[in-house]
Amino acid sequence: MRLIRIHHAAIIAGDYERSKRFYTEVLGLRVVAETYRAARNSHKLDLALPDGSQIELFTFPGAPARPSWPEAQGLRHLAFAVADIAEAIRELEAKGVAVEPVRVDELTGKRFTFFADPDGLPLELYEEAKGESSKRPTSKHH
């Protein structure tokens, strides 16, 4: 088997409309497809980043809240690469999103920070130099 890249990450939202606005208007992801499955009373929103990777945003009635932040077993956080972390932070804060202080990855020297989606899912911004996206970070900072 030869894995190529991550195709998508799936997120279960507590409030579909609130999370849809966050991921499309605050983070600027593009809507690929939107589906409502009446039999399951469930929404599914496919969102794309510029490189083609996707996020599937779901709702399921009665889904439990995340047990802890962020150290629950399972997916710890979702990280987005940005070219300019200071600019990205300014944009998030201008939209009312609280962002943690910037830290420096002790292994790579790269700057990163965390913020949360409407359900408290930890999201990370990881600063990459232009043209670096083909060189995936190998950091163990988190």
N, C-alpha and C. Protein backbone atom coordinates (compact mmCIF):
# COMPACT_ATOMS: atom_id res chain seq x y z
N MET A 1 0.85 -1.18 0.00
CA MET A 1 0.00 0.00 0.00
C MET A 1 0.89 1.24 0.00
N ARG A 2 0.47 2.24 -0.78
CA ARG A 2 1.20 3.50 -0.83
C ARG A 2 0.21 4.64 -0.62
N LEU A 3 0.15 5.14 0.60
CA LEU A 3 -0.75 6.25 0.89
C LEU A 3 -0.20 7.51 0.25
N ILE A 4 -1.08 8.33 -0.31
CA ILE A 4 -0.65 9.53 -1.03
C ILE A 4 -0.73 10.76 -0.14
N ARG A 5 -1.87 11.00 0.50
CA ARG A 5 -2.07 12.16 1.35
C ARG A 5 -3.36 11.93 2.13
N ILE A 6 -3.64 12.77 3.09
CA ILE A 6 -4.92 12.72 3.77
C ILE A 6 -5.96 13.33 2.84
N HIS A 7 -7.02 12.61 2.60
CA HIS A 7 -8.09 13.09 1.73
C HIS A 7 -9.04 14.01 2.48
N HIS A 8 -9.47 13.57 3.67
CA HIS A 8 -10.38 14.41 4.46
C HIS A 8 -10.31 14.05 5.93
N ALA A 9 -10.78 14.96 6.73
CA ALA A 9 -11.00 14.73 8.15
C ALA A 9 -12.49 14.95 8.39
N ALA A 10 -13.08 14.14 9.24
CA ALA A 10 -14.51 14.26 9.54
C ALA A 10 -14.70 14.85 10.93
N ILE A 11 -15.62 15.79 11.02
CA ILE A 11 -15.92 16.48 12.27
C ILE A 11 -17.42 16.38 12.52
N ILE A 12 -17.80 16.07 13.75
CA ILE A 12 -19.22 16.06 14.13
C ILE A 12 -19.50 17.35 14.88
N ALA A 13 -20.43 18.13 14.37
CA ALA A 13 -20.77 19.43 14.94
C ALA A 13 -21.99 19.32 15.84
N GLY A 14 -22.03 20.16 16.86
CA GLY A 14 -23.19 20.21 17.75
C GLY A 14 -24.32 21.04 17.14
N ASP A 15 -23.97 22.10 16.44
CA ASP A 15 -24.95 23.00 15.82
C ASP A 15 -24.51 23.20 14.37
N TYR A 16 -25.25 22.60 13.45
CA TYR A 16 -24.85 22.59 12.04
C TYR A 16 -24.66 23.99 11.47
N GLU A 17 -25.64 24.86 11.62
CA GLU A 17 -25.54 26.20 11.01
C GLU A 17 -24.39 27.00 11.61
N ARG A 18 -24.20 26.91 12.91
CA ARG A 18 -23.11 27.64 13.56
C ARG A 18 -21.75 27.14 13.04
N SER A 19 -21.58 25.83 12.95
CA SER A 19 -20.32 25.28 12.46
C SER A 19 -20.13 25.53 10.97
N LYS A 20 -21.20 25.48 10.21
CA LYS A 20 -21.12 25.78 8.77
C LYS A 20 -20.60 27.21 8.59
N ARG A 21 -21.16 28.17 9.32
CA ARG A 21 -20.68 29.56 9.22
C ARG A 21 -19.22 29.67 9.62
N PHE A 22 -18.83 28.99 10.69
CA PHE A 22 -17.45 29.05 11.15
C PHE A 22 -16.48 28.55 10.08
N TYR A 23 -16.74 27.37 9.53
CA TYR A 23 -15.80 26.78 8.58
C TYR A 23 -15.83 27.47 7.21
N THR A 24 -16.97 28.03 6.82
CA THR A 24 -17.02 28.70 5.51
C THR A 24 -16.69 30.18 5.61
N GLU A 25 -17.26 30.89 6.58
CA GLU A 25 -17.06 32.34 6.66
C GLU A 25 -15.81 32.71 7.45
N VAL A 26 -15.54 32.05 8.57
CA VAL A 26 -14.37 32.41 9.38
C VAL A 26 -13.10 31.81 8.77
N LEU A 27 -13.13 30.51 8.45
CA LEU A 27 -11.93 29.88 7.90
C LEU A 27 -11.86 29.95 6.37
N GLY A 28 -12.96 30.25 5.72
CA GLY A 28 -12.95 30.44 4.27
C GLY A 28 -12.88 29.17 3.44
N LEU A 29 -13.35 28.04 4.00
CA LEU A 29 -13.34 26.81 3.21
C LEU A 29 -14.47 26.84 2.18
N ARG A 30 -14.23 26.19 1.06
CA ARG A 30 -15.19 26.17 -0.05
C ARG A 30 -16.15 24.99 0.11
N VAL A 31 -17.45 25.26 -0.09
CA VAL A 31 -18.45 24.19 -0.03
C VAL A 31 -18.38 23.38 -1.32
N VAL A 32 -18.20 22.06 -1.17
CA VAL A 32 -18.17 21.14 -2.30
C VAL A 32 -19.56 20.54 -2.50
N ALA A 33 -20.17 20.10 -1.41
CA ALA A 33 -21.50 19.48 -1.46
C ALA A 33 -22.15 19.60 -0.10
N GLU A 34 -23.47 19.68 -0.11
CA GLU A 34 -24.24 19.76 1.12
C GLU A 34 -25.41 18.80 1.01
N THR A 35 -25.55 17.94 2.02
CA THR A 35 -26.58 16.90 1.97
C THR A 35 -27.31 16.84 3.31
N TYR A 36 -28.62 16.67 3.23
CA TYR A 36 -29.40 16.38 4.44
C TYR A 36 -29.98 14.99 4.27
N ARG A 37 -29.72 14.12 5.25
CA ARG A 37 -30.25 12.75 5.20
C ARG A 37 -31.40 12.65 6.19
N ALA A 38 -32.62 12.78 5.68
CA ALA A 38 -33.81 12.81 6.52
C ALA A 38 -33.95 11.55 7.38
N ALA A 39 -33.64 10.40 6.83
CA ALA A 39 -33.78 9.14 7.56
C ALA A 39 -32.90 9.11 8.81
N ARG A 40 -31.79 9.84 8.78
CA ARG A 40 -30.87 9.88 9.91
C ARG A 40 -30.93 11.21 10.65
N ASN A 41 -31.76 12.14 10.15
CA ASN A 41 -31.82 13.50 10.70
C ASN A 41 -30.40 14.07 10.83
N SER A 42 -29.65 13.91 9.73
CA SER A 42 -28.22 14.22 9.76
C SER A 42 -27.83 15.08 8.57
N HIS A 43 -27.00 16.08 8.84
CA HIS A 43 -26.42 16.92 7.79
C HIS A 43 -25.01 16.42 7.49
N LYS A 44 -24.59 16.63 6.24
CA LYS A 44 -23.21 16.38 5.84
C LYS A 44 -22.81 17.51 4.90
N LEU A 45 -21.73 18.19 5.26
CA LEU A 45 -21.22 19.30 4.46
C LEU A 45 -19.78 18.97 4.09
N ASP A 46 -19.51 18.87 2.78
CA ASP A 46 -18.15 18.63 2.30
C ASP A 46 -17.51 19.98 2.00
N LEU A 47 -16.37 20.23 2.63
CA LEU A 47 -15.65 21.50 2.50
C LEU A 47 -14.25 21.23 1.97
N ALA A 48 -13.73 22.14 1.14
CA ALA A 48 -12.41 21.94 0.55
C ALA A 48 -11.46 23.07 0.89
N LEU A 49 -10.20 22.72 1.08
CA LEU A 49 -9.11 23.67 1.20
C LEU A 49 -8.52 23.87 -0.19
N PRO A 50 -7.72 24.90 -0.39
CA PRO A 50 -7.16 25.17 -1.72
C PRO A 50 -6.37 24.01 -2.33
N ASP A 51 -5.74 23.18 -1.50
CA ASP A 51 -4.95 22.06 -2.05
C ASP A 51 -5.80 20.84 -2.39
N GLY A 52 -7.12 20.92 -2.17
CA GLY A 52 -8.01 19.81 -2.49
C GLY A 52 -8.34 18.92 -1.30
N SER A 53 -7.60 19.04 -0.20
CA SER A 53 -7.96 18.26 0.98
C SER A 53 -9.31 18.77 1.50
N GLN A 54 -10.02 17.90 2.20
CA GLN A 54 -11.39 18.23 2.58
C GLN A 54 -11.67 17.98 4.06
N ILE A 55 -12.72 18.64 4.51
CA ILE A 55 -13.31 18.38 5.82
C ILE A 55 -14.75 17.99 5.57
N GLU A 56 -15.17 16.90 6.19
CA GLU A 56 -16.58 16.50 6.17
C GLU A 56 -17.17 16.93 7.50
N LEU A 57 -18.16 17.80 7.45
CA LEU A 57 -18.81 18.30 8.66
C LEU A 57 -20.17 17.60 8.78
N PHE A 58 -20.35 16.86 9.87
CA PHE A 58 -21.57 16.09 10.10
C PHE A 58 -22.32 16.63 11.31
N THR A 59 -23.61 16.31 11.37
CA THR A 59 -24.37 16.40 12.61
C THR A 59 -25.08 15.06 12.80
N PHE A 60 -25.14 14.63 14.04
CA PHE A 60 -25.87 13.42 14.40
C PHE A 60 -26.64 13.72 15.67
N PRO A 61 -27.93 13.45 15.72
CA PRO A 61 -28.71 13.72 16.93
C PRO A 61 -28.13 12.96 18.12
N GLY A 62 -27.97 13.65 19.24
CA GLY A 62 -27.51 13.01 20.46
C GLY A 62 -26.03 12.71 20.53
N ALA A 63 -25.24 13.23 19.60
CA ALA A 63 -23.79 12.96 19.66
C ALA A 63 -23.23 13.56 20.96
N PRO A 64 -22.42 12.79 21.69
CA PRO A 64 -21.89 13.31 22.96
C PRO A 64 -20.85 14.41 22.74
N ALA A 65 -20.68 15.25 23.73
CA ALA A 65 -19.67 16.30 23.67
C ALA A 65 -18.28 15.68 23.78
N ARG A 66 -17.28 16.39 23.33
CA ARG A 66 -15.89 15.96 23.45
C ARG A 66 -15.56 15.81 24.94
N PRO A 67 -14.93 14.69 25.36
CA PRO A 67 -14.72 14.45 26.79
C PRO A 67 -13.69 15.35 27.46
N SER A 68 -12.69 15.83 26.74
CA SER A 68 -11.70 16.72 27.35
C SER A 68 -11.01 17.51 26.25
N TRP A 69 -10.31 18.55 26.64
CA TRP A 69 -9.65 19.39 25.65
C TRP A 69 -8.20 19.52 25.96
N PRO A 70 -7.26 19.21 25.12
CA PRO A 70 -7.41 18.40 23.90
C PRO A 70 -6.92 16.98 24.11
N GLU A 71 -6.74 16.56 25.33
CA GLU A 71 -6.03 15.32 25.57
C GLU A 71 -6.88 14.06 25.63
N ALA A 72 -8.05 14.07 25.00
CA ALA A 72 -8.83 12.85 24.90
C ALA A 72 -8.14 11.90 23.92
N GLN A 73 -8.35 10.60 24.08
CA GLN A 73 -7.80 9.66 23.12
C GLN A 73 -8.47 9.89 21.78
N GLY A 74 -7.79 9.58 20.72
CA GLY A 74 -8.31 9.80 19.38
C GLY A 74 -7.63 11.00 18.75
N LEU A 75 -8.27 11.58 17.77
CA LEU A 75 -7.70 12.73 17.07
C LEU A 75 -7.48 13.86 18.05
N ARG A 76 -6.26 14.33 18.16
CA ARG A 76 -5.93 15.36 19.13
C ARG A 76 -6.30 16.75 18.63
N HIS A 77 -5.94 17.05 17.38
CA HIS A 77 -6.30 18.33 16.79
C HIS A 77 -6.14 18.25 15.29
N LEU A 78 -6.62 19.26 14.60
CA LEU A 78 -6.51 19.38 13.16
C LEU A 78 -5.67 20.62 12.89
N ALA A 79 -4.61 20.49 12.09
CA ALA A 79 -3.69 21.59 11.84
C ALA A 79 -3.81 22.07 10.40
N PHE A 80 -3.80 23.40 10.24
CA PHE A 80 -3.82 24.03 8.93
C PHE A 80 -2.50 24.77 8.72
N ALA A 81 -1.88 24.58 7.56
CA ALA A 81 -0.66 25.31 7.22
C ALA A 81 -1.04 26.70 6.74
N VAL A 82 -0.28 27.69 7.18
CA VAL A 82 -0.45 29.08 6.73
C VAL A 82 0.92 29.65 6.38
N ALA A 83 0.92 30.63 5.47
CA ALA A 83 2.18 31.26 5.08
C ALA A 83 2.59 32.33 6.08
N ASP A 84 1.61 33.01 6.69
CA ASP A 84 1.90 34.10 7.61
C ASP A 84 0.99 33.96 8.83
N ILE A 85 1.55 33.45 9.91
CA ILE A 85 0.73 33.17 11.10
C ILE A 85 0.17 34.44 11.73
N ALA A 86 0.95 35.52 11.73
CA ALA A 86 0.47 36.78 12.33
C ALA A 86 -0.74 37.30 11.58
N GLU A 87 -0.70 37.23 10.26
CA GLU A 87 -1.84 37.68 9.45
C GLU A 87 -3.06 36.80 9.71
N ALA A 88 -2.86 35.49 9.78
CA ALA A 88 -3.98 34.57 10.02
C ALA A 88 -4.60 34.83 11.39
N ILE A 89 -3.77 35.09 12.39
CA ILE A 89 -4.28 35.39 13.73
C ILE A 89 -5.09 36.68 13.71
N ARG A 90 -4.58 37.71 13.03
CA ARG A 90 -5.33 38.98 12.94
C ARG A 90 -6.71 38.75 12.31
N GLU A 91 -6.77 37.94 11.26
CA GLU A 91 -8.04 37.66 10.60
C GLU A 91 -9.00 36.93 11.53
N LEU A 92 -8.50 35.93 12.24
CA LEU A 92 -9.36 35.20 13.17
C LEU A 92 -9.87 36.10 14.29
N GLU A 93 -8.97 36.87 14.89
CA GLU A 93 -9.37 37.76 15.99
C GLU A 93 -10.35 38.83 15.52
N ALA A 94 -10.20 39.31 14.29
CA ALA A 94 -11.14 40.30 13.74
C ALA A 94 -12.53 39.70 13.58
N LYS A 95 -12.60 38.37 13.48
CA LYS A 95 -13.89 37.67 13.36
C LYS A 95 -14.36 37.14 14.71
N GLY A 96 -13.70 37.58 15.80
CA GLY A 96 -14.14 37.21 17.14
C GLY A 96 -13.65 35.88 17.65
N VAL A 97 -12.65 35.30 17.00
CA VAL A 97 -12.13 33.99 17.43
C VAL A 97 -10.94 34.21 18.37
N ALA A 98 -11.00 33.60 19.55
CA ALA A 98 -9.89 33.67 20.51
C ALA A 98 -8.77 32.75 20.05
N VAL A 99 -7.54 33.28 20.06
CA VAL A 99 -6.37 32.53 19.61
C VAL A 99 -5.35 32.51 20.74
N GLU A 100 -4.77 31.35 20.99
CA GLU A 100 -3.74 31.22 22.03
C GLU A 100 -2.47 31.96 21.60
N PRO A 101 -1.60 32.27 22.56
CA PRO A 101 -0.31 32.89 22.21
C PRO A 101 0.49 31.98 21.27
N VAL A 102 1.25 32.58 20.38
CA VAL A 102 2.09 31.84 19.44
C VAL A 102 3.21 31.15 20.21
N ARG A 103 3.47 29.91 19.81
CA ARG A 103 4.58 29.14 20.36
C ARG A 103 5.53 28.80 19.22
N VAL A 104 6.72 28.37 19.57
CA VAL A 104 7.70 27.95 18.56
C VAL A 104 7.98 26.47 18.76
N ASP A 105 7.87 25.70 17.68
CA ASP A 105 8.15 24.27 17.72
C ASP A 105 9.64 24.10 17.99
N GLU A 106 9.97 23.47 19.09
CA GLU A 106 11.37 23.33 19.49
C GLU A 106 12.18 22.47 18.53
N LEU A 107 11.52 21.63 17.75
CA LEU A 107 12.23 20.75 16.82
C LEU A 107 12.43 21.38 15.44
N THR A 108 11.47 22.18 14.99
CA THR A 108 11.56 22.74 13.64
C THR A 108 11.82 24.24 13.62
N GLY A 109 11.59 24.91 14.76
CA GLY A 109 11.73 26.36 14.80
C GLY A 109 10.54 27.09 14.18
N LYS A 110 9.52 26.37 13.79
CA LYS A 110 8.33 26.97 13.17
C LYS A 110 7.37 27.48 14.23
N ARG A 111 6.64 28.53 13.88
CA ARG A 111 5.65 29.10 14.80
C ARG A 111 4.31 28.41 14.60
N PHE A 112 3.57 28.24 15.72
CA PHE A 112 2.24 27.64 15.66
C PHE A 112 1.39 28.19 16.79
N THR A 113 0.08 28.03 16.64
CA THR A 113 -0.86 28.45 17.67
C THR A 113 -2.12 27.61 17.55
N PHE A 114 -2.95 27.70 18.57
CA PHE A 114 -4.21 26.96 18.60
C PHE A 114 -5.40 27.90 18.78
N PHE A 115 -6.54 27.47 18.26
CA PHE A 115 -7.82 28.11 18.48
C PHE A 115 -8.85 27.00 18.44
N ALA A 116 -10.12 27.29 18.65
CA ALA A 116 -11.12 26.24 18.71
C ALA A 116 -12.28 26.54 17.78
N ASP A 117 -12.90 25.48 17.28
CA ASP A 117 -14.12 25.65 16.50
C ASP A 117 -15.30 25.83 17.46
N PRO A 118 -16.51 26.02 16.98
CA PRO A 118 -17.65 26.28 17.88
C PRO A 118 -17.94 25.18 18.89
N ASP A 119 -17.49 23.95 18.63
CA ASP A 119 -17.70 22.86 19.57
C ASP A 119 -16.48 22.57 20.42
N GLY A 120 -15.48 23.43 20.36
CA GLY A 120 -14.29 23.25 21.18
C GLY A 120 -13.23 22.35 20.58
N LEU A 121 -13.40 21.93 19.32
CA LEU A 121 -12.38 21.10 18.67
C LEU A 121 -11.11 21.93 18.50
N PRO A 122 -9.98 21.45 19.01
CA PRO A 122 -8.75 22.21 18.87
C PRO A 122 -8.27 22.24 17.42
N LEU A 123 -8.03 23.44 16.92
CA LEU A 123 -7.51 23.65 15.57
C LEU A 123 -6.18 24.37 15.70
N GLU A 124 -5.26 24.04 14.82
CA GLU A 124 -3.93 24.63 14.88
C GLU A 124 -3.61 25.36 13.59
N LEU A 125 -2.87 26.44 13.71
CA LEU A 125 -2.24 27.10 12.56
C LEU A 125 -0.76 26.82 12.68
N TYR A 126 -0.15 26.34 11.60
CA TYR A 126 1.27 26.00 11.58
C TYR A 126 1.90 26.76 10.43
N GLU A 127 2.86 27.61 10.74
CA GLU A 127 3.44 28.49 9.72
C GLU A 127 4.47 27.75 8.87
N GLU A 128 4.26 27.82 7.55
CA GLU A 128 5.19 27.24 6.59
C GLU A 128 5.74 28.34 5.70
N ALA A 129 6.96 28.19 5.29
CA ALA A 129 7.52 29.13 4.31
C ALA A 129 6.91 28.84 2.95
N LYS A 130 6.88 29.83 2.06
CA LYS A 130 6.36 29.62 0.71
C LYS A 130 7.09 28.46 0.05
N GLY A 131 6.32 27.61 -0.63
CA GLY A 131 6.90 26.48 -1.32
C GLY A 131 7.23 25.29 -0.42
N GLU A 132 6.95 25.42 0.86
CA GLU A 132 7.30 24.36 1.80
C GLU A 132 6.22 23.30 1.91
N SER A 133 5.04 23.53 1.37
CA SER A 133 3.93 22.61 1.57
C SER A 133 4.22 21.21 1.05
N SER A 134 5.15 21.08 0.09
CA SER A 134 5.49 19.74 -0.38
C SER A 134 6.37 19.01 0.62
N LYS A 135 6.98 19.76 1.54
CA LYS A 135 7.80 19.16 2.60
C LYS A 135 6.96 19.14 3.87
N ARG A 136 6.31 18.07 4.14
CA ARG A 136 5.43 17.97 5.29
C ARG A 136 6.23 18.07 6.58
N PRO A 137 5.70 18.82 7.59
CA PRO A 137 6.42 18.90 8.85
C PRO A 137 6.50 17.53 9.51
N THR A 138 7.64 17.26 10.11
CA THR A 138 7.84 16.00 10.81
C THR A 138 7.87 16.21 12.30
N SER A 139 7.36 17.34 12.72
CA SER A 139 7.42 17.75 14.11
C SER A 139 6.65 16.81 15.03
N LYS A 140 7.15 16.71 16.24
CA LYS A 140 6.45 15.96 17.29
C LYS A 140 6.06 16.93 18.40
N HIS A 141 5.81 18.21 18.05
CA HIS A 141 5.56 19.22 19.07
C HIS A 141 4.23 19.06 19.77
N HIS A 142 3.36 18.23 19.29
CA HIS A 142 2.06 18.10 19.92
C HIS A 142 1.53 16.70 19.87
